[in-house]
């Protein structure tokens, strides 16, 4: 299944959660029409089945982190082999993606923007240029924006922002450089996603 490239506000309404972090007009549109899109969006339906609840949570994770179904299953398989709680490990692996780490460090306003920054070769990981957003960073890794790109208008406002990165990252916005000090734990994952339902979906 290909990565979703359609209207993000419409998708957010379908899943009942804001999947984006920018765009005041998008947020207003979501809040104004806080119901499912389509002709029957405002109508009352029967209670959602357990399967649909599980599917929705998995889709939330997929679309929030911008991954395909194939990638999602791969992350779940890796998580299931860990000694940690499978659902927590699954979301932790998504958090450790380079594009998400860039977003969490405050180097991008959204995950899609972070993915584009990586894809365009503007990021150094441990001193080497990388173009693969799905690379998983680990404790001890360092990533930064390439020196000649640090003065770009794209990063001007970000460097001035008062942003607090999660505890698993040590970030220096002025130099657009960050160190991975630990793996994300349960406190660092997206709490708007019910990881237990994702485990139930994939464990069938």
N, C-alpha and C. Protein backbone atom coordinates (compact mmCIF):
# COMPACT_ATOMS: atom_id res chain seq x y z
N UNK A 1 0.84 -1.19 0.00
CA UNK A 1 0.00 0.00 0.00
C UNK A 1 0.88 1.25 0.00
N UNK A 2 0.59 2.18 -0.91
CA UNK A 2 1.41 3.37 -1.04
C UNK A 2 1.17 4.34 0.12
N UNK A 3 2.10 5.26 0.29
CA UNK A 3 1.96 6.26 1.34
C UNK A 3 0.82 7.21 0.98
N UNK A 4 0.02 7.59 1.96
CA UNK A 4 -1.14 8.46 1.73
C UNK A 4 -0.68 9.86 1.36
N UNK A 5 -1.27 10.40 0.28
CA UNK A 5 -0.92 11.75 -0.16
C UNK A 5 -2.17 12.61 -0.38
N UNK A 6 -3.29 12.18 0.17
CA UNK A 6 -4.53 12.91 0.00
C UNK A 6 -4.73 14.01 1.02
N UNK A 7 -5.94 14.57 1.11
CA UNK A 7 -6.25 15.66 2.05
C UNK A 7 -6.07 15.22 3.51
N UNK A 8 -5.17 15.86 4.21
CA UNK A 8 -4.83 15.44 5.57
C UNK A 8 -5.95 15.78 6.56
N UNK A 9 -6.67 16.89 6.34
CA UNK A 9 -7.75 17.25 7.25
C UNK A 9 -8.89 16.25 7.14
N UNK A 10 -9.22 15.85 5.93
CA UNK A 10 -10.28 14.87 5.72
C UNK A 10 -9.92 13.54 6.38
N UNK A 11 -8.65 13.14 6.25
CA UNK A 11 -8.20 11.90 6.88
C UNK A 11 -8.27 12.02 8.40
N UNK A 12 -7.88 13.18 8.92
CA UNK A 12 -7.93 13.41 10.37
C UNK A 12 -9.36 13.29 10.89
N UNK A 13 -10.31 13.83 10.14
CA UNK A 13 -11.72 13.73 10.54
C UNK A 13 -12.18 12.28 10.54
N UNK A 14 -11.72 11.52 9.56
CA UNK A 14 -12.13 10.11 9.47
C UNK A 14 -11.63 9.31 10.66
N UNK A 15 -10.41 9.64 11.11
CA UNK A 15 -9.81 8.90 12.23
C UNK A 15 -10.11 9.54 13.58
N UNK A 16 -10.69 10.74 13.56
CA UNK A 16 -11.07 11.40 14.81
C UNK A 16 -9.91 11.96 15.59
N UNK A 17 -8.81 12.32 14.88
CA UNK A 17 -7.63 12.85 15.56
C UNK A 17 -6.87 13.78 14.63
N UNK A 18 -6.30 14.86 15.14
CA UNK A 18 -5.51 15.77 14.32
C UNK A 18 -4.17 15.12 14.03
N UNK A 19 -3.90 14.86 12.75
CA UNK A 19 -2.67 14.17 12.35
C UNK A 19 -1.56 15.14 11.97
N UNK A 20 -1.83 16.44 12.03
CA UNK A 20 -0.85 17.44 11.62
C UNK A 20 -0.55 18.37 12.78
N UNK A 21 0.55 19.09 12.69
CA UNK A 21 0.95 19.98 13.79
C UNK A 21 1.05 21.43 13.34
N UNK A 22 0.71 21.70 12.08
CA UNK A 22 0.79 23.07 11.59
C UNK A 22 -0.48 23.42 10.83
N UNK A 23 -0.64 24.68 10.53
CA UNK A 23 -1.78 25.09 9.72
C UNK A 23 -2.99 25.44 10.55
N UNK A 24 -3.11 26.72 10.91
CA UNK A 24 -4.24 27.16 11.74
C UNK A 24 -5.57 26.93 11.02
N UNK A 25 -5.58 27.13 9.69
CA UNK A 25 -6.80 26.94 8.93
C UNK A 25 -7.24 25.47 8.95
N UNK A 26 -6.27 24.56 8.93
CA UNK A 26 -6.59 23.13 8.97
C UNK A 26 -7.22 22.77 10.32
N UNK A 27 -6.64 23.32 11.38
CA UNK A 27 -7.15 23.04 12.72
C UNK A 27 -8.57 23.57 12.87
N UNK A 28 -8.83 24.78 12.33
CA UNK A 28 -10.17 25.35 12.39
C UNK A 28 -11.15 24.49 11.61
N UNK A 29 -10.71 23.99 10.46
CA UNK A 29 -11.57 23.15 9.63
C UNK A 29 -11.89 21.84 10.36
N UNK A 30 -10.90 21.28 11.04
CA UNK A 30 -11.10 20.04 11.79
C UNK A 30 -12.09 20.26 12.93
N UNK A 31 -11.91 21.35 13.68
CA UNK A 31 -12.78 21.63 14.82
C UNK A 31 -14.19 22.01 14.39
N UNK A 32 -14.31 22.68 13.23
CA UNK A 32 -15.62 23.09 12.73
C UNK A 32 -16.44 21.89 12.28
N UNK A 33 -15.76 20.93 11.68
CA UNK A 33 -16.43 19.72 11.20
C UNK A 33 -15.85 18.51 11.91
N UNK A 34 -16.06 18.46 13.22
CA UNK A 34 -15.49 17.39 14.02
C UNK A 34 -16.36 16.14 13.95
N UNK A 35 -16.50 15.65 12.73
CA UNK A 35 -17.24 14.41 12.48
C UNK A 35 -16.68 13.80 11.19
N UNK A 36 -17.07 12.58 10.92
CA UNK A 36 -16.52 11.89 9.75
C UNK A 36 -16.91 12.60 8.46
N UNK A 37 -16.02 12.61 7.47
CA UNK A 37 -16.35 13.23 6.19
C UNK A 37 -17.36 12.39 5.41
N UNK A 38 -17.94 12.98 4.39
CA UNK A 38 -18.87 12.24 3.55
C UNK A 38 -20.32 12.57 3.83
N UNK A 39 -21.18 12.08 2.98
CA UNK A 39 -22.61 12.37 3.04
C UNK A 39 -23.25 11.95 4.35
N UNK A 40 -22.77 10.83 4.92
CA UNK A 40 -23.39 10.30 6.14
C UNK A 40 -22.52 10.55 7.39
N UNK A 41 -21.61 11.50 7.28
CA UNK A 41 -20.66 11.73 8.36
C UNK A 41 -21.28 12.09 9.69
N UNK A 42 -22.40 12.83 9.65
CA UNK A 42 -23.01 13.29 10.90
C UNK A 42 -24.07 12.34 11.43
N UNK A 43 -24.36 11.29 10.69
CA UNK A 43 -25.38 10.36 11.13
C UNK A 43 -24.85 9.43 12.20
N UNK A 44 -25.71 8.97 13.05
CA UNK A 44 -25.32 8.05 14.12
C UNK A 44 -25.30 6.62 13.59
N UNK A 45 -24.26 5.91 13.94
CA UNK A 45 -24.14 4.53 13.51
C UNK A 45 -24.10 3.61 14.73
N UNK A 46 -24.19 2.32 14.48
CA UNK A 46 -24.08 1.36 15.57
C UNK A 46 -22.68 1.41 16.16
N UNK A 47 -22.53 0.86 17.32
CA UNK A 47 -21.25 0.88 18.03
C UNK A 47 -20.16 0.23 17.19
N UNK A 48 -18.98 0.84 17.22
CA UNK A 48 -17.87 0.34 16.44
C UNK A 48 -17.40 -1.02 16.95
N UNK A 49 -17.12 -1.93 16.02
CA UNK A 49 -16.68 -3.27 16.40
C UNK A 49 -15.26 -3.22 16.95
N UNK A 50 -14.86 -4.26 17.66
CA UNK A 50 -13.51 -4.32 18.21
C UNK A 50 -12.46 -4.28 17.09
N UNK A 51 -12.79 -4.99 15.99
CA UNK A 51 -11.85 -5.00 14.86
C UNK A 51 -11.66 -3.59 14.31
N UNK A 52 -12.75 -2.85 14.15
CA UNK A 52 -12.65 -1.48 13.62
C UNK A 52 -11.87 -0.56 14.56
N UNK A 53 -12.03 -0.77 15.86
CA UNK A 53 -11.27 0.02 16.84
C UNK A 53 -9.78 -0.27 16.69
N UNK A 54 -9.45 -1.55 16.54
CA UNK A 54 -8.04 -1.94 16.38
C UNK A 54 -7.47 -1.40 15.07
N UNK A 55 -8.24 -1.51 14.01
CA UNK A 55 -7.81 -1.01 12.70
C UNK A 55 -7.58 0.49 12.74
N UNK A 56 -8.48 1.22 13.39
CA UNK A 56 -8.35 2.67 13.46
C UNK A 56 -7.08 3.09 14.19
N UNK A 57 -6.74 2.41 15.27
CA UNK A 57 -5.53 2.76 16.01
C UNK A 57 -4.28 2.49 15.17
N UNK A 58 -4.31 1.37 14.44
CA UNK A 58 -3.17 1.06 13.57
C UNK A 58 -3.04 2.11 12.47
N UNK A 59 -4.18 2.54 11.93
CA UNK A 59 -4.16 3.55 10.88
C UNK A 59 -3.69 4.90 11.42
N UNK A 60 -4.05 5.22 12.65
CA UNK A 60 -3.56 6.45 13.27
C UNK A 60 -2.04 6.47 13.27
N UNK A 61 -1.44 5.37 13.72
CA UNK A 61 0.02 5.28 13.77
C UNK A 61 0.62 5.39 12.37
N UNK A 62 0.02 4.67 11.43
CA UNK A 62 0.52 4.68 10.05
C UNK A 62 0.55 6.08 9.47
N UNK A 63 -0.58 6.77 9.56
CA UNK A 63 -0.69 8.07 8.92
C UNK A 63 0.04 9.15 9.70
N UNK A 64 0.08 9.04 11.02
CA UNK A 64 0.78 10.04 11.82
C UNK A 64 2.28 10.02 11.52
N UNK A 65 2.84 8.81 11.38
CA UNK A 65 4.28 8.70 11.13
C UNK A 65 4.61 8.60 9.64
N UNK A 66 3.58 8.56 8.78
CA UNK A 66 3.80 8.57 7.35
C UNK A 66 4.45 7.31 6.80
N UNK A 67 4.00 6.14 7.27
CA UNK A 67 4.59 4.88 6.81
C UNK A 67 3.57 4.06 6.03
N UNK A 68 4.06 3.12 5.25
CA UNK A 68 3.19 2.24 4.49
C UNK A 68 2.78 1.06 5.37
N UNK A 69 1.81 0.29 4.89
CA UNK A 69 1.37 -0.90 5.63
C UNK A 69 2.51 -1.91 5.74
N UNK A 70 3.29 -2.04 4.67
CA UNK A 70 4.41 -2.98 4.69
C UNK A 70 5.42 -2.58 5.77
N UNK A 71 5.71 -1.29 5.87
CA UNK A 71 6.64 -0.81 6.90
C UNK A 71 6.06 -1.03 8.29
N UNK A 72 4.76 -0.79 8.43
CA UNK A 72 4.11 -0.95 9.72
C UNK A 72 4.23 -2.40 10.21
N UNK A 73 3.97 -3.34 9.32
CA UNK A 73 4.09 -4.76 9.70
C UNK A 73 5.53 -5.13 10.04
N UNK A 74 6.47 -4.53 9.33
CA UNK A 74 7.89 -4.79 9.61
C UNK A 74 8.25 -4.31 11.02
N UNK A 75 7.79 -3.10 11.37
CA UNK A 75 8.07 -2.58 12.71
C UNK A 75 7.42 -3.45 13.78
N UNK A 76 6.20 -3.93 13.50
CA UNK A 76 5.53 -4.76 14.48
C UNK A 76 6.28 -6.09 14.66
N UNK A 77 6.75 -6.66 13.57
CA UNK A 77 7.51 -7.92 13.65
C UNK A 77 8.76 -7.74 14.49
N UNK A 78 9.46 -6.63 14.29
CA UNK A 78 10.65 -6.34 15.09
C UNK A 78 10.28 -6.16 16.56
N UNK A 79 9.19 -5.44 16.79
CA UNK A 79 8.75 -5.18 18.16
C UNK A 79 8.36 -6.46 18.88
N UNK A 80 7.73 -7.40 18.15
CA UNK A 80 7.27 -8.65 18.76
C UNK A 80 8.43 -9.55 19.19
N UNK A 81 9.60 -9.32 18.64
CA UNK A 81 10.78 -10.11 18.99
C UNK A 81 11.53 -9.51 20.19
N UNK A 82 11.09 -8.34 20.62
CA UNK A 82 11.72 -7.66 21.75
C UNK A 82 11.17 -8.19 23.07
N UNK A 83 11.94 -8.02 24.14
CA UNK A 83 11.48 -8.42 25.47
C UNK A 83 10.57 -7.36 26.09
N UNK A 84 10.48 -6.21 25.44
CA UNK A 84 9.63 -5.12 25.93
C UNK A 84 8.17 -5.35 25.53
N UNK A 85 7.28 -4.54 26.08
CA UNK A 85 5.87 -4.61 25.70
C UNK A 85 5.78 -4.32 24.20
N UNK A 86 5.18 -5.23 23.46
CA UNK A 86 5.20 -5.15 22.00
C UNK A 86 4.67 -3.83 21.45
N UNK A 87 3.51 -3.39 21.93
CA UNK A 87 2.92 -2.16 21.43
C UNK A 87 3.77 -0.94 21.72
N UNK A 88 4.35 -0.90 22.92
CA UNK A 88 5.23 0.22 23.29
C UNK A 88 6.47 0.21 22.41
N UNK A 89 7.05 -0.97 22.20
CA UNK A 89 8.24 -1.08 21.37
C UNK A 89 7.93 -0.69 19.93
N UNK A 90 6.77 -1.06 19.45
CA UNK A 90 6.35 -0.71 18.08
C UNK A 90 6.37 0.81 17.90
N UNK A 91 5.73 1.54 18.84
CA UNK A 91 5.70 3.00 18.74
C UNK A 91 7.07 3.61 19.00
N UNK A 92 7.87 2.95 19.84
CA UNK A 92 9.22 3.43 20.11
C UNK A 92 10.07 3.36 18.84
N UNK A 93 9.91 2.28 18.08
CA UNK A 93 10.65 2.15 16.81
C UNK A 93 10.24 3.22 15.82
N UNK A 94 8.95 3.57 15.80
CA UNK A 94 8.49 4.64 14.93
C UNK A 94 9.09 5.98 15.37
N UNK A 95 9.17 6.18 16.69
CA UNK A 95 9.77 7.41 17.21
C UNK A 95 11.23 7.54 16.81
N UNK A 96 11.91 6.41 16.67
CA UNK A 96 13.35 6.42 16.38
C UNK A 96 13.67 6.58 14.90
N UNK A 97 12.65 6.65 14.06
CA UNK A 97 12.91 6.95 12.65
C UNK A 97 13.62 8.31 12.55
N UNK A 98 14.55 8.43 11.62
CA UNK A 98 15.31 9.67 11.50
C UNK A 98 14.41 10.87 11.21
N UNK A 99 13.40 10.70 10.35
CA UNK A 99 12.54 11.84 10.06
C UNK A 99 11.77 12.28 11.31
N UNK A 100 11.30 11.32 12.11
CA UNK A 100 10.60 11.68 13.34
C UNK A 100 11.55 12.30 14.36
N UNK A 101 12.77 11.76 14.46
CA UNK A 101 13.76 12.32 15.39
C UNK A 101 14.06 13.78 15.04
N UNK A 102 14.13 14.05 13.73
CA UNK A 102 14.36 15.42 13.26
C UNK A 102 13.20 16.33 13.69
N UNK A 103 11.98 15.82 13.55
CA UNK A 103 10.79 16.56 13.95
C UNK A 103 10.77 16.76 15.46
N UNK A 104 11.05 15.70 16.21
CA UNK A 104 11.07 15.78 17.67
C UNK A 104 12.17 16.71 18.19
N UNK A 105 13.25 16.82 17.43
CA UNK A 105 14.35 17.69 17.85
C UNK A 105 14.02 19.16 17.61
N UNK A 106 12.96 19.43 16.85
CA UNK A 106 12.58 20.81 16.58
C UNK A 106 13.16 21.36 15.31
N UNK A 107 13.70 20.48 14.45
CA UNK A 107 14.33 20.92 13.21
C UNK A 107 13.33 21.01 12.06
N UNK A 108 12.09 20.64 12.29
CA UNK A 108 11.04 20.70 11.28
C UNK A 108 9.71 20.93 11.97
N UNK A 109 8.78 21.57 11.27
CA UNK A 109 7.47 21.86 11.86
C UNK A 109 6.54 20.67 11.82
N UNK A 110 6.74 19.79 10.86
CA UNK A 110 5.89 18.61 10.72
C UNK A 110 6.75 17.40 10.35
N UNK A 111 6.21 16.23 10.50
CA UNK A 111 6.92 15.02 10.09
C UNK A 111 7.11 14.97 8.57
N UNK A 112 6.08 15.33 7.77
CA UNK A 112 6.31 15.35 6.32
C UNK A 112 7.44 16.30 5.92
N UNK A 113 7.53 17.46 6.57
CA UNK A 113 8.61 18.39 6.27
C UNK A 113 9.95 17.78 6.66
N UNK A 114 9.99 17.10 7.80
CA UNK A 114 11.23 16.45 8.24
C UNK A 114 11.65 15.37 7.25
N UNK A 115 10.67 14.61 6.75
CA UNK A 115 10.97 13.56 5.77
C UNK A 115 11.56 14.17 4.50
N UNK A 116 11.02 15.31 4.09
CA UNK A 116 11.51 15.99 2.88
C UNK A 116 12.93 16.51 3.10
N UNK A 117 13.19 17.04 4.29
CA UNK A 117 14.53 17.55 4.60
C UNK A 117 15.57 16.44 4.50
N UNK A 118 15.22 15.27 5.02
CA UNK A 118 16.14 14.13 4.95
C UNK A 118 16.31 13.68 3.50
N UNK A 119 15.20 13.54 2.79
CA UNK A 119 15.23 13.06 1.41
C UNK A 119 16.05 13.96 0.50
N UNK A 120 16.09 15.25 0.81
CA UNK A 120 16.84 16.20 -0.01
C UNK A 120 18.32 16.25 0.37
N UNK A 121 18.73 15.39 1.29
CA UNK A 121 20.15 15.31 1.64
C UNK A 121 20.67 16.43 2.50
N UNK A 122 19.80 17.03 3.33
CA UNK A 122 20.22 18.15 4.17
C UNK A 122 20.67 17.72 5.56
N UNK A 123 20.68 16.42 5.82
CA UNK A 123 20.97 15.93 7.17
C UNK A 123 22.23 15.07 7.19
N UNK A 124 23.02 15.26 8.23
CA UNK A 124 24.19 14.41 8.48
C UNK A 124 23.89 13.53 9.69
N UNK A 125 24.11 12.24 9.56
CA UNK A 125 23.97 11.31 10.67
C UNK A 125 25.34 10.76 11.00
N UNK A 126 25.83 11.07 12.19
CA UNK A 126 27.19 10.68 12.59
C UNK A 126 28.22 11.15 11.57
N UNK A 127 28.00 12.36 11.05
CA UNK A 127 28.97 12.97 10.13
C UNK A 127 28.81 12.59 8.67
N UNK A 128 27.86 11.71 8.37
CA UNK A 128 27.69 11.26 6.98
C UNK A 128 26.32 11.69 6.45
N UNK A 129 26.30 12.14 5.20
CA UNK A 129 25.04 12.55 4.60
C UNK A 129 24.14 11.34 4.36
N UNK A 130 22.89 11.48 4.74
CA UNK A 130 21.91 10.40 4.53
C UNK A 130 20.69 10.96 3.84
N UNK A 131 20.00 10.09 3.11
CA UNK A 131 18.79 10.50 2.39
C UNK A 131 17.62 9.55 2.65
N UNK A 132 17.76 8.72 3.68
CA UNK A 132 16.74 7.71 3.97
C UNK A 132 16.01 8.07 5.26
N UNK A 133 14.77 8.58 5.16
CA UNK A 133 14.01 8.99 6.35
C UNK A 133 13.73 7.86 7.33
N UNK A 134 13.71 6.62 6.84
CA UNK A 134 13.32 5.49 7.70
C UNK A 134 14.47 4.93 8.54
N UNK A 135 15.67 5.46 8.39
CA UNK A 135 16.79 5.00 9.22
C UNK A 135 16.42 5.18 10.69
N UNK A 136 16.67 4.17 11.50
CA UNK A 136 16.39 4.28 12.93
C UNK A 136 17.63 4.73 13.68
N UNK A 137 17.50 5.83 14.40
CA UNK A 137 18.62 6.32 15.19
C UNK A 137 18.67 5.55 16.50
N UNK A 138 19.85 5.50 17.11
CA UNK A 138 20.02 4.77 18.36
C UNK A 138 20.86 5.59 19.32
N UNK A 139 20.85 5.24 20.61
CA UNK A 139 21.64 5.98 21.59
C UNK A 139 23.10 6.07 21.16
N UNK A 140 23.65 7.27 21.24
CA UNK A 140 25.02 7.50 20.83
C UNK A 140 25.12 8.17 19.47
N UNK A 141 24.03 8.13 18.70
CA UNK A 141 24.03 8.77 17.38
C UNK A 141 23.91 10.28 17.51
N UNK A 142 24.44 10.98 16.52
CA UNK A 142 24.33 12.43 16.42
C UNK A 142 23.83 12.78 15.02
N UNK A 143 22.87 13.65 14.97
CA UNK A 143 22.41 14.12 13.65
C UNK A 143 22.32 15.64 13.66
N UNK A 144 22.52 16.22 12.49
CA UNK A 144 22.50 17.68 12.36
C UNK A 144 22.18 18.08 10.93
N UNK A 145 21.83 19.34 10.76
CA UNK A 145 21.63 19.89 9.43
C UNK A 145 23.00 20.22 8.83
N UNK A 146 23.17 19.95 7.55
CA UNK A 146 24.44 20.25 6.88
C UNK A 146 24.81 21.72 7.08
N UNK A 147 26.09 21.98 7.24
CA UNK A 147 26.57 23.31 7.54
C UNK A 147 26.09 24.36 6.55
N UNK A 148 26.18 24.07 5.26
CA UNK A 148 25.81 25.08 4.25
C UNK A 148 24.30 25.30 4.17
N UNK A 149 23.54 24.41 4.81
CA UNK A 149 22.08 24.55 4.82
C UNK A 149 21.56 25.21 6.09
N UNK A 150 22.42 25.36 7.09
CA UNK A 150 21.97 25.90 8.38
C UNK A 150 21.51 27.35 8.31
N UNK A 151 22.00 28.11 7.30
CA UNK A 151 21.61 29.50 7.17
C UNK A 151 20.42 29.67 6.25
N UNK A 152 19.84 28.58 5.82
CA UNK A 152 18.68 28.64 4.94
C UNK A 152 17.49 29.27 5.67
N UNK A 153 16.64 29.97 4.92
CA UNK A 153 15.44 30.59 5.50
C UNK A 153 14.53 29.54 6.13
N UNK A 154 14.65 28.31 5.64
CA UNK A 154 13.83 27.22 6.16
C UNK A 154 14.02 27.03 7.65
N UNK A 155 15.24 27.31 8.15
CA UNK A 155 15.56 27.05 9.56
C UNK A 155 15.68 28.31 10.40
N UNK A 156 15.51 29.48 9.80
CA UNK A 156 15.69 30.74 10.54
C UNK A 156 14.78 30.83 11.76
N UNK A 157 13.49 30.63 11.57
CA UNK A 157 12.54 30.75 12.67
C UNK A 157 12.68 29.61 13.67
N UNK A 158 13.02 28.41 13.16
CA UNK A 158 13.17 27.25 14.04
C UNK A 158 14.29 27.47 15.05
N UNK A 159 15.37 28.10 14.60
CA UNK A 159 16.52 28.33 15.49
C UNK A 159 16.18 29.33 16.61
N UNK A 160 15.18 30.17 16.36
CA UNK A 160 14.79 31.17 17.36
C UNK A 160 13.73 30.64 18.33
N UNK A 161 13.13 29.54 17.97
CA UNK A 161 12.00 29.01 18.75
C UNK A 161 12.43 28.50 20.12
N UNK A 162 11.52 28.65 21.08
CA UNK A 162 11.75 28.10 22.41
C UNK A 162 11.09 26.72 22.46
N UNK A 163 11.86 25.74 22.10
CA UNK A 163 11.31 24.39 21.96
C UNK A 163 12.03 23.44 22.91
N UNK A 164 11.25 22.60 23.56
CA UNK A 164 11.83 21.61 24.47
C UNK A 164 11.69 20.23 23.87
N UNK A 165 12.81 19.63 23.54
CA UNK A 165 12.81 18.30 22.94
C UNK A 165 12.53 17.24 24.00
N UNK A 166 12.04 16.07 23.62
CA UNK A 166 11.83 14.98 24.58
C UNK A 166 13.15 14.55 25.20
N UNK A 167 13.06 13.90 26.35
CA UNK A 167 14.26 13.59 27.13
C UNK A 167 15.22 12.62 26.44
N UNK A 168 14.76 11.91 25.42
CA UNK A 168 15.65 10.97 24.75
C UNK A 168 16.56 11.65 23.73
N UNK A 169 16.33 12.98 23.55
CA UNK A 169 17.16 13.76 22.64
C UNK A 169 17.78 14.95 23.37
N UNK A 170 19.03 15.23 23.08
CA UNK A 170 19.70 16.43 23.58
C UNK A 170 19.89 17.35 22.38
N UNK A 171 19.14 18.43 22.34
CA UNK A 171 19.07 19.27 21.15
C UNK A 171 19.69 20.64 21.36
N UNK A 172 20.41 21.11 20.34
CA UNK A 172 20.94 22.47 20.32
C UNK A 172 20.37 23.14 19.07
N UNK A 173 19.30 23.89 19.25
CA UNK A 173 18.63 24.51 18.10
C UNK A 173 19.51 25.56 17.42
N UNK A 174 20.33 26.24 18.20
CA UNK A 174 21.16 27.29 17.61
C UNK A 174 22.14 26.72 16.58
N UNK A 175 22.59 25.50 16.80
CA UNK A 175 23.51 24.86 15.86
C UNK A 175 22.83 23.77 15.03
N UNK A 176 21.52 23.57 15.28
CA UNK A 176 20.74 22.56 14.56
C UNK A 176 21.42 21.19 14.62
N UNK A 177 21.77 20.82 15.86
CA UNK A 177 22.45 19.55 16.09
C UNK A 177 21.81 18.85 17.28
N UNK A 178 21.72 17.53 17.24
CA UNK A 178 21.09 16.79 18.32
C UNK A 178 21.79 15.46 18.56
N UNK A 179 21.82 15.05 19.82
CA UNK A 179 22.37 13.76 20.21
C UNK A 179 21.25 12.86 20.71
N UNK A 180 21.32 11.60 20.36
CA UNK A 180 20.36 10.62 20.86
C UNK A 180 20.94 10.04 22.15
N UNK A 181 20.34 10.38 23.29
CA UNK A 181 20.91 9.98 24.58
C UNK A 181 20.32 8.67 25.10
N UNK A 182 19.16 8.28 24.59
CA UNK A 182 18.54 7.03 25.01
C UNK A 182 17.46 6.65 24.00
N UNK A 183 16.91 5.47 24.16
CA UNK A 183 15.77 5.08 23.32
C UNK A 183 14.50 5.67 23.93
N UNK A 184 13.51 6.00 23.13
CA UNK A 184 12.24 6.52 23.67
C UNK A 184 11.58 5.48 24.56
N UNK A 185 11.02 5.89 25.68
CA UNK A 185 10.30 4.96 26.53
C UNK A 185 8.80 5.24 26.46
N UNK A 186 8.03 4.63 27.34
CA UNK A 186 6.58 4.75 27.28
C UNK A 186 6.12 6.20 27.42
N UNK A 187 6.85 7.00 28.17
CA UNK A 187 6.46 8.40 28.36
C UNK A 187 6.68 9.24 27.11
N UNK A 188 7.51 8.75 26.18
CA UNK A 188 7.88 9.53 25.01
C UNK A 188 7.03 9.23 23.78
N UNK A 189 6.26 8.15 23.81
CA UNK A 189 5.49 7.78 22.62
C UNK A 189 4.19 8.57 22.54
N UNK A 190 3.55 8.53 21.38
CA UNK A 190 2.30 9.26 21.17
C UNK A 190 1.18 8.64 22.01
N UNK A 191 0.69 9.39 23.00
CA UNK A 191 -0.32 8.86 23.90
C UNK A 191 -1.73 8.93 23.31
N UNK A 192 -1.84 9.56 22.13
CA UNK A 192 -3.16 9.59 21.49
C UNK A 192 -3.40 8.29 20.73
N UNK A 193 -2.40 7.41 20.72
CA UNK A 193 -2.53 6.11 20.05
C UNK A 193 -2.56 5.02 21.12
N UNK A 194 -3.54 4.14 21.03
CA UNK A 194 -3.67 3.02 21.98
C UNK A 194 -2.85 1.84 21.45
N UNK A 195 -1.65 1.67 21.97
CA UNK A 195 -0.75 0.64 21.46
C UNK A 195 -1.28 -0.78 21.69
N UNK A 196 -2.10 -0.95 22.73
CA UNK A 196 -2.65 -2.27 23.00
C UNK A 196 -3.57 -2.74 21.88
N UNK A 197 -4.34 -1.80 21.32
CA UNK A 197 -5.23 -2.15 20.22
C UNK A 197 -4.44 -2.52 18.96
N UNK A 198 -3.28 -1.88 18.78
CA UNK A 198 -2.43 -2.22 17.63
C UNK A 198 -1.88 -3.62 17.79
N UNK A 199 -1.50 -3.96 19.01
CA UNK A 199 -1.01 -5.32 19.29
C UNK A 199 -2.10 -6.34 18.99
N UNK A 200 -3.32 -6.04 19.41
CA UNK A 200 -4.43 -6.95 19.18
C UNK A 200 -4.71 -7.10 17.68
N UNK A 201 -4.56 -6.02 16.93
CA UNK A 201 -4.81 -6.07 15.49
C UNK A 201 -3.82 -7.00 14.78
N UNK A 202 -2.53 -6.85 15.09
CA UNK A 202 -1.51 -7.61 14.39
C UNK A 202 -1.31 -9.02 14.93
N UNK A 203 -1.78 -9.27 16.13
CA UNK A 203 -1.55 -10.60 16.74
C UNK A 203 -2.59 -11.64 16.34
N UNK A 204 -3.54 -11.26 15.51
CA UNK A 204 -4.59 -12.20 15.09
C UNK A 204 -4.05 -13.21 14.09
